[in-house]
N, C-alpha and C. Protein backbone atom coordinates (compact mmCIF):
# COMPACT_ATOMS: atom_id res chain seq x y z
N MET A 1 0.87 -1.13 0.01
CA MET A 1 0.01 0.05 -0.04
C MET A 1 0.92 1.23 -0.02
N GLN A 2 0.97 1.97 -1.11
CA GLN A 2 1.81 3.15 -1.22
C GLN A 2 0.89 4.48 -1.24
N ASP A 3 1.28 5.31 -0.42
CA ASP A 3 0.62 6.63 -0.40
C ASP A 3 1.65 7.59 0.20
N SER A 4 1.65 8.77 -0.47
CA SER A 4 2.70 9.69 -0.01
C SER A 4 2.21 10.56 1.19
N LYS A 5 0.96 10.46 1.53
CA LYS A 5 0.43 11.16 2.70
C LYS A 5 -0.26 10.25 3.67
N GLY A 6 -0.23 10.57 4.95
CA GLY A 6 -0.97 9.79 5.92
C GLY A 6 0.04 8.96 6.71
N MET A 7 -0.50 7.97 7.42
CA MET A 7 0.23 7.13 8.30
C MET A 7 1.18 6.23 7.46
N VAL A 8 2.44 6.13 7.89
CA VAL A 8 3.41 5.31 7.15
C VAL A 8 3.04 3.84 7.24
N ASP A 9 3.17 3.13 6.13
CA ASP A 9 2.99 1.65 6.19
C ASP A 9 4.15 0.99 6.80
N ILE A 10 3.95 0.35 8.00
CA ILE A 10 5.07 -0.37 8.62
C ILE A 10 4.94 -1.89 8.53
N SER A 11 4.03 -2.36 7.68
CA SER A 11 3.79 -3.81 7.59
C SER A 11 5.01 -4.62 7.26
N GLY A 12 5.92 -4.00 6.47
CA GLY A 12 7.13 -4.75 6.00
C GLY A 12 8.23 -4.67 7.00
N LYS A 13 8.13 -3.92 8.01
CA LYS A 13 9.26 -3.78 9.03
C LYS A 13 9.40 -4.97 9.92
N ASP A 14 10.54 -5.20 10.40
CA ASP A 14 10.71 -6.30 11.40
C ASP A 14 10.39 -5.85 12.79
N ILE A 15 9.95 -6.82 13.60
CA ILE A 15 9.72 -6.50 15.05
C ILE A 15 11.11 -6.56 15.71
N THR A 16 11.36 -5.46 16.40
CA THR A 16 12.62 -5.36 17.18
C THR A 16 12.30 -4.61 18.46
N VAL A 17 13.21 -4.79 19.43
CA VAL A 17 13.10 -4.09 20.65
C VAL A 17 13.52 -2.62 20.38
N ARG A 18 12.76 -1.71 20.79
CA ARG A 18 12.99 -0.29 20.53
C ARG A 18 12.86 0.45 21.82
N THR A 19 13.78 1.37 22.03
CA THR A 19 13.77 2.21 23.28
C THR A 19 13.97 3.70 22.93
N ALA A 20 13.49 4.52 23.63
CA ALA A 20 13.79 6.01 23.46
C ALA A 20 13.70 6.72 24.74
N THR A 21 14.53 7.70 24.96
CA THR A 21 14.51 8.51 26.23
C THR A 21 14.45 10.00 25.78
N ALA A 22 13.44 10.67 26.37
CA ALA A 22 13.34 12.13 26.19
C ALA A 22 13.29 12.76 27.43
N SER A 23 13.55 14.08 27.37
CA SER A 23 13.60 14.91 28.67
C SER A 23 12.98 16.25 28.44
N GLY A 24 12.67 16.93 29.49
CA GLY A 24 12.16 18.27 29.57
C GLY A 24 12.34 18.82 30.95
N CYS A 25 12.36 20.17 31.01
CA CYS A 25 12.55 20.86 32.29
C CYS A 25 11.51 21.89 32.47
N ILE A 26 11.22 22.19 33.73
CA ILE A 26 10.33 23.34 34.03
C ILE A 26 11.01 24.14 35.18
N ILE A 27 11.14 25.49 34.89
CA ILE A 27 11.59 26.38 35.93
C ILE A 27 10.45 26.79 36.74
N LEU A 28 10.58 26.54 38.06
CA LEU A 28 9.37 26.81 38.96
C LEU A 28 9.36 28.12 39.60
N GLY A 29 10.54 28.67 39.96
CA GLY A 29 10.63 29.83 40.83
C GLY A 29 10.78 29.29 42.24
N GLN A 30 11.20 30.16 43.20
CA GLN A 30 11.50 29.76 44.58
C GLN A 30 10.25 29.12 45.22
N GLU A 31 9.11 29.77 45.14
CA GLU A 31 7.98 29.27 45.80
C GLU A 31 7.48 27.96 45.38
N GLY A 32 7.38 27.71 44.12
CA GLY A 32 6.98 26.45 43.48
C GLY A 32 8.04 25.39 43.86
N PHE A 33 9.31 25.75 43.74
CA PHE A 33 10.37 24.77 44.05
C PHE A 33 10.23 24.34 45.45
N ASN A 34 10.04 25.22 46.37
CA ASN A 34 9.87 24.91 47.78
C ASN A 34 8.67 23.92 48.05
N ILE A 35 7.58 24.23 47.30
CA ILE A 35 6.39 23.34 47.43
C ILE A 35 6.71 21.94 47.04
N VAL A 36 7.35 21.78 45.87
CA VAL A 36 7.78 20.46 45.39
C VAL A 36 8.72 19.84 46.40
N LYS A 37 9.77 20.55 46.91
CA LYS A 37 10.80 20.01 47.76
C LYS A 37 10.10 19.56 49.08
N GLU A 38 9.21 20.33 49.64
CA GLU A 38 8.58 20.12 50.93
C GLU A 38 7.38 19.25 50.83
N GLY A 39 6.93 19.01 49.62
CA GLY A 39 5.69 18.10 49.52
C GLY A 39 4.50 18.76 50.07
N THR A 40 4.31 20.03 49.83
CA THR A 40 3.15 20.77 50.48
C THR A 40 2.20 21.26 49.41
N CYS A 41 2.06 20.76 48.24
CA CYS A 41 1.13 21.10 47.22
C CYS A 41 -0.28 20.78 47.69
N THR A 42 -1.23 21.76 47.59
CA THR A 42 -2.60 21.46 48.00
C THR A 42 -3.29 20.49 47.20
N LYS A 43 -2.75 20.24 45.95
CA LYS A 43 -3.42 19.21 44.98
C LYS A 43 -2.84 17.87 45.22
N GLY A 44 -1.74 17.77 45.99
CA GLY A 44 -1.25 16.38 46.28
C GLY A 44 0.29 16.34 45.88
N ASP A 45 0.77 15.16 45.74
CA ASP A 45 2.12 14.94 45.42
C ASP A 45 2.50 15.28 43.94
N VAL A 46 3.24 16.32 43.77
CA VAL A 46 3.51 16.88 42.47
C VAL A 46 4.17 15.91 41.57
N LEU A 47 5.30 15.38 41.98
CA LEU A 47 6.13 14.52 41.13
C LEU A 47 5.45 13.17 40.92
N GLU A 48 4.73 12.63 41.91
CA GLU A 48 4.04 11.31 41.63
C GLU A 48 2.89 11.48 40.68
N THR A 49 2.21 12.65 40.77
CA THR A 49 1.14 12.91 39.80
C THR A 49 1.72 13.10 38.37
N ALA A 50 2.87 13.77 38.26
CA ALA A 50 3.45 13.99 37.03
C ALA A 50 3.97 12.69 36.42
N LYS A 51 4.43 11.81 37.21
CA LYS A 51 4.90 10.44 36.84
C LYS A 51 3.69 9.66 36.24
N ILE A 52 2.57 9.70 36.89
CA ILE A 52 1.35 8.91 36.45
C ILE A 52 0.96 9.59 35.05
N ALA A 53 0.93 10.91 35.05
CA ALA A 53 0.53 11.61 33.79
C ALA A 53 1.46 11.24 32.72
N ALA A 54 2.76 11.21 32.89
CA ALA A 54 3.79 10.81 31.85
C ALA A 54 3.43 9.43 31.32
N ILE A 55 3.18 8.57 32.23
CA ILE A 55 2.85 7.11 31.81
C ILE A 55 1.60 7.06 30.96
N ASN A 56 0.53 7.79 31.47
CA ASN A 56 -0.69 7.77 30.71
C ASN A 56 -0.49 8.41 29.41
N ALA A 57 0.27 9.50 29.26
CA ALA A 57 0.57 10.20 27.94
C ALA A 57 1.29 9.29 27.01
N VAL A 58 2.24 8.53 27.48
CA VAL A 58 2.98 7.56 26.64
C VAL A 58 1.98 6.61 26.01
N LYS A 59 1.05 6.09 26.78
CA LYS A 59 0.10 5.08 26.31
C LYS A 59 -0.97 5.79 25.37
N ALA A 60 -1.12 7.11 25.52
CA ALA A 60 -2.23 7.80 24.65
C ALA A 60 -1.62 8.51 23.52
N THR A 61 -0.30 8.43 23.26
CA THR A 61 0.29 9.15 22.20
C THR A 61 -0.42 9.07 20.87
N PRO A 62 -0.82 7.87 20.41
CA PRO A 62 -1.49 7.85 19.11
C PRO A 62 -2.80 8.56 19.03
N SER A 63 -3.43 8.79 20.19
CA SER A 63 -4.66 9.59 20.12
C SER A 63 -4.42 11.10 20.12
N ILE A 64 -3.20 11.44 20.41
CA ILE A 64 -2.85 12.91 20.47
C ILE A 64 -2.11 13.33 19.21
N ILE A 65 -1.11 12.48 18.71
CA ILE A 65 -0.33 12.77 17.54
C ILE A 65 -0.94 11.94 16.34
N PRO A 66 -1.45 12.67 15.41
CA PRO A 66 -2.31 11.96 14.39
C PRO A 66 -1.67 10.82 13.53
N MET A 67 -0.35 10.93 13.20
CA MET A 67 0.23 9.86 12.38
C MET A 67 0.94 8.74 13.22
N CYS A 68 0.89 8.84 14.47
CA CYS A 68 1.54 7.81 15.32
C CYS A 68 0.72 6.49 15.27
N HIS A 69 1.49 5.39 15.19
CA HIS A 69 0.82 4.10 15.22
C HIS A 69 0.49 3.70 16.61
N PRO A 70 -0.62 3.00 16.84
CA PRO A 70 -0.83 2.46 18.21
C PRO A 70 0.15 1.35 18.44
N ILE A 71 0.85 1.34 19.45
CA ILE A 71 1.89 0.28 19.71
C ILE A 71 1.77 -0.32 21.10
N SER A 72 2.29 -1.44 21.22
CA SER A 72 2.40 -2.05 22.62
C SER A 72 3.52 -1.48 23.33
N ILE A 73 3.31 -1.03 24.58
CA ILE A 73 4.32 -0.51 25.38
C ILE A 73 4.78 -1.50 26.38
N ASP A 74 6.02 -1.90 26.39
CA ASP A 74 6.56 -2.87 27.27
C ASP A 74 6.90 -2.29 28.62
N ALA A 75 7.48 -1.11 28.64
CA ALA A 75 7.84 -0.48 29.91
C ALA A 75 8.03 1.08 29.75
N VAL A 76 7.77 1.72 30.91
CA VAL A 76 7.97 3.19 30.88
C VAL A 76 8.70 3.47 32.23
N LYS A 77 9.79 4.25 32.13
CA LYS A 77 10.49 4.66 33.31
C LYS A 77 10.49 6.15 33.35
N VAL A 78 10.11 6.80 34.48
CA VAL A 78 10.12 8.19 34.65
C VAL A 78 10.89 8.65 35.84
N GLU A 79 11.81 9.51 35.59
CA GLU A 79 12.78 9.98 36.62
C GLU A 79 12.74 11.55 36.65
N PHE A 80 12.87 12.03 37.92
CA PHE A 80 12.95 13.54 38.11
C PHE A 80 14.27 13.83 38.79
N ALA A 81 14.75 15.05 38.37
CA ALA A 81 15.90 15.70 39.05
C ALA A 81 15.56 17.10 39.36
N THR A 82 15.79 17.45 40.65
CA THR A 82 15.52 18.83 41.00
C THR A 82 16.91 19.62 41.05
N ASP A 83 16.80 20.90 40.72
CA ASP A 83 17.98 21.66 40.61
C ASP A 83 17.77 22.92 41.53
N GLU A 84 18.38 22.99 42.66
CA GLU A 84 18.28 24.11 43.66
C GLU A 84 18.66 25.40 43.05
N THR A 85 19.73 25.40 42.19
CA THR A 85 20.31 26.67 41.63
C THR A 85 19.32 27.37 40.81
N ASP A 86 18.68 26.70 39.80
CA ASP A 86 17.73 27.46 38.92
C ASP A 86 16.28 27.11 39.28
N LYS A 87 16.13 26.50 40.45
CA LYS A 87 14.71 26.17 40.93
C LYS A 87 13.92 25.49 39.90
N SER A 88 14.40 24.35 39.38
CA SER A 88 13.77 23.67 38.36
C SER A 88 13.62 22.19 38.63
N VAL A 89 12.82 21.48 37.83
CA VAL A 89 12.60 20.05 37.85
C VAL A 89 12.82 19.57 36.41
N CYS A 90 13.65 18.69 36.22
CA CYS A 90 13.83 18.10 34.93
C CYS A 90 13.38 16.62 35.00
N VAL A 91 12.65 16.15 33.91
CA VAL A 91 12.12 14.85 33.82
C VAL A 91 12.86 14.11 32.74
N SER A 92 12.91 12.77 32.92
CA SER A 92 13.45 11.88 31.90
C SER A 92 12.46 10.77 31.77
N VAL A 93 12.00 10.48 30.51
CA VAL A 93 11.09 9.44 30.24
C VAL A 93 11.69 8.47 29.27
N THR A 94 11.81 7.25 29.70
CA THR A 94 12.29 6.14 28.80
C THR A 94 11.14 5.14 28.49
N VAL A 95 11.03 4.86 27.23
CA VAL A 95 9.92 4.03 26.71
C VAL A 95 10.58 2.85 26.02
N LYS A 96 10.00 1.66 26.26
CA LYS A 96 10.49 0.44 25.60
C LYS A 96 9.34 -0.29 25.00
N SER A 97 9.58 -0.75 23.76
CA SER A 97 8.54 -1.48 23.04
C SER A 97 9.13 -2.60 22.18
N SER A 98 8.49 -3.68 21.88
CA SER A 98 8.86 -4.65 20.99
C SER A 98 7.87 -4.43 19.83
N GLY A 99 8.34 -3.93 18.72
CA GLY A 99 7.38 -3.69 17.59
C GLY A 99 8.04 -3.26 16.37
N LYS A 100 7.24 -2.66 15.46
CA LYS A 100 7.61 -2.36 14.13
C LYS A 100 7.95 -0.89 13.98
N THR A 101 7.74 -0.12 14.94
CA THR A 101 7.99 1.36 14.81
C THR A 101 8.57 1.88 16.18
N GLY A 102 9.26 2.97 16.07
CA GLY A 102 9.94 3.57 17.23
C GLY A 102 9.11 4.18 18.29
N VAL A 103 9.63 4.53 19.33
CA VAL A 103 8.89 5.11 20.53
C VAL A 103 9.41 6.45 20.90
N GLU A 104 10.01 7.20 19.92
CA GLU A 104 10.50 8.55 20.17
C GLU A 104 9.26 9.41 20.59
N MET A 105 8.21 9.37 19.73
CA MET A 105 7.06 10.30 20.06
C MET A 105 6.42 10.00 21.44
N GLU A 106 6.43 8.79 21.75
CA GLU A 106 5.88 8.38 23.03
C GLU A 106 6.72 8.95 24.23
N ALA A 107 8.06 8.86 24.06
CA ALA A 107 8.87 9.47 25.16
C ALA A 107 8.77 10.88 25.23
N LEU A 108 8.84 11.61 24.00
CA LEU A 108 8.65 13.04 24.00
C LEU A 108 7.25 13.51 24.59
N THR A 109 6.19 12.81 24.30
CA THR A 109 4.88 13.14 24.76
C THR A 109 4.90 12.93 26.30
N GLY A 110 5.55 11.89 26.77
CA GLY A 110 5.55 11.63 28.24
C GLY A 110 6.28 12.76 28.98
N ALA A 111 7.47 13.17 28.40
CA ALA A 111 8.22 14.24 29.05
C ALA A 111 7.50 15.53 29.07
N SER A 112 6.92 15.83 27.86
CA SER A 112 6.08 17.17 27.85
C SER A 112 4.96 17.13 28.87
N THR A 113 4.21 15.97 28.93
CA THR A 113 3.14 15.91 29.76
C THR A 113 3.46 15.99 31.25
N ALA A 114 4.63 15.38 31.58
CA ALA A 114 5.02 15.45 32.98
C ALA A 114 5.25 16.93 33.33
N CYS A 115 5.95 17.71 32.44
CA CYS A 115 6.20 19.14 32.73
C CYS A 115 4.89 19.89 32.77
N LEU A 116 3.94 19.68 31.89
CA LEU A 116 2.64 20.29 31.89
C LEU A 116 1.86 20.02 33.19
N THR A 117 1.97 18.80 33.71
CA THR A 117 1.31 18.40 34.85
C THR A 117 1.89 19.16 36.11
N ILE A 118 3.18 19.21 36.15
CA ILE A 118 3.86 20.01 37.13
C ILE A 118 3.38 21.47 37.17
N TYR A 119 3.27 22.07 35.98
CA TYR A 119 2.76 23.38 35.84
C TYR A 119 1.32 23.49 36.39
N ASP A 120 0.47 22.50 36.00
CA ASP A 120 -0.90 22.48 36.47
C ASP A 120 -1.01 22.40 38.00
N MET A 121 -0.20 21.56 38.51
CA MET A 121 -0.28 21.31 40.02
C MET A 121 0.20 22.57 40.79
N LEU A 122 1.04 23.45 40.16
CA LEU A 122 1.58 24.60 40.90
C LEU A 122 1.12 25.93 40.39
N LYS A 123 0.24 26.01 39.37
CA LYS A 123 -0.19 27.27 38.82
C LYS A 123 -0.91 28.13 39.86
N TYR A 124 -1.47 27.56 40.88
CA TYR A 124 -2.15 28.33 41.93
C TYR A 124 -1.17 29.25 42.67
N LYS A 125 0.08 29.00 42.56
CA LYS A 125 1.09 29.90 43.20
C LYS A 125 1.80 30.82 42.24
N GLY A 126 1.45 30.74 41.00
CA GLY A 126 2.06 31.63 39.99
C GLY A 126 2.06 30.98 38.69
N LYS A 127 1.99 31.85 37.67
CA LYS A 127 1.93 31.30 36.31
C LYS A 127 3.13 31.73 35.51
N ASP A 128 4.20 32.08 36.11
CA ASP A 128 5.43 32.46 35.40
C ASP A 128 6.41 31.39 35.22
N MET A 129 6.00 30.15 35.38
CA MET A 129 6.88 28.95 35.28
C MET A 129 7.27 28.83 33.71
N VAL A 130 8.35 28.23 33.42
CA VAL A 130 8.78 28.07 31.98
C VAL A 130 9.12 26.65 31.76
N ILE A 131 8.47 26.04 30.71
CA ILE A 131 8.74 24.73 30.27
C ILE A 131 9.72 24.88 29.10
N SER A 132 10.79 24.05 29.07
CA SER A 132 11.78 24.15 28.04
C SER A 132 12.51 22.86 27.94
N GLN A 133 13.37 22.82 26.87
CA GLN A 133 14.29 21.77 26.66
C GLN A 133 13.70 20.41 26.48
N ILE A 134 12.52 20.38 25.83
CA ILE A 134 11.93 19.07 25.49
C ILE A 134 12.76 18.51 24.29
N LYS A 135 13.40 17.37 24.53
CA LYS A 135 14.23 16.80 23.54
C LYS A 135 14.35 15.30 23.63
N LEU A 136 14.73 14.71 22.48
CA LEU A 136 15.10 13.27 22.40
C LEU A 136 16.54 13.20 22.80
N LEU A 137 16.84 12.35 23.88
CA LEU A 137 18.20 12.12 24.31
C LEU A 137 18.84 10.97 23.58
N GLU A 138 18.04 9.88 23.39
CA GLU A 138 18.58 8.71 22.71
C GLU A 138 17.46 7.81 22.24
N LYS A 139 17.80 6.97 21.28
CA LYS A 139 16.87 5.92 20.82
C LYS A 139 17.66 4.70 20.35
N SER A 140 17.09 3.55 20.38
CA SER A 140 17.77 2.35 19.94
C SER A 140 16.74 1.49 19.19
N GLY A 141 17.16 0.69 18.30
CA GLY A 141 16.38 -0.31 17.62
C GLY A 141 15.86 0.31 16.29
N GLY A 142 15.35 -0.58 15.43
CA GLY A 142 14.77 -0.18 14.19
C GLY A 142 15.86 -0.11 13.10
N LYS A 143 15.28 0.17 11.88
CA LYS A 143 16.03 0.31 10.66
C LYS A 143 17.04 1.54 10.71
N SER A 144 16.60 2.62 11.34
CA SER A 144 17.40 3.80 11.31
C SER A 144 18.52 3.71 12.32
N GLY A 145 18.59 2.62 13.20
CA GLY A 145 19.65 2.42 14.07
C GLY A 145 19.59 3.31 15.37
N ASP A 146 20.73 3.36 16.01
CA ASP A 146 20.80 4.04 17.31
C ASP A 146 21.04 5.53 17.11
N TYR A 147 20.62 6.32 18.15
CA TYR A 147 20.88 7.80 18.11
C TYR A 147 21.25 8.15 19.51
N LYS A 148 22.18 9.00 19.67
CA LYS A 148 22.51 9.55 21.04
C LYS A 148 22.74 11.08 20.87
N ARG A 149 22.01 11.86 21.59
CA ARG A 149 22.26 13.27 21.52
C ARG A 149 23.67 13.66 22.05
N GLN A 150 24.28 14.56 21.26
CA GLN A 150 25.74 14.89 21.53
C GLN A 150 25.93 16.03 22.56
N ASP A 151 24.92 16.81 22.80
CA ASP A 151 25.08 17.99 23.68
C ASP A 151 24.74 17.52 25.06
């Protein structure tokens, strides 16, 4: 089935183990950072909620990104790092699948959604937070081979 527009035909691809890791950061400001650090958010545990949101987003990626294939997700790992200096939280989302297409979009969607969830949880204390640095860090598997970000 050949068509130059629409969802890519992956029927001829081999099933391989594929992984991708993406990250993103949110600068919170002092008050938001303190809330995360002290666990005093009125809506609940900020990072645990963001972790669940990231996992849900990974699984829902095909319903958000029009040309993504629905795929089986084998594993999702979500990690957070706080930075006292710039009052930020960075998230890393790693997705693993055994299938015919990559999981880069799932990892990127998970990282983005984790940051958006942190924003949502803390917006009652200020709306000047900044989400940035959403990027693919690495991927493995598939015809295009491995990729590792150099910066």
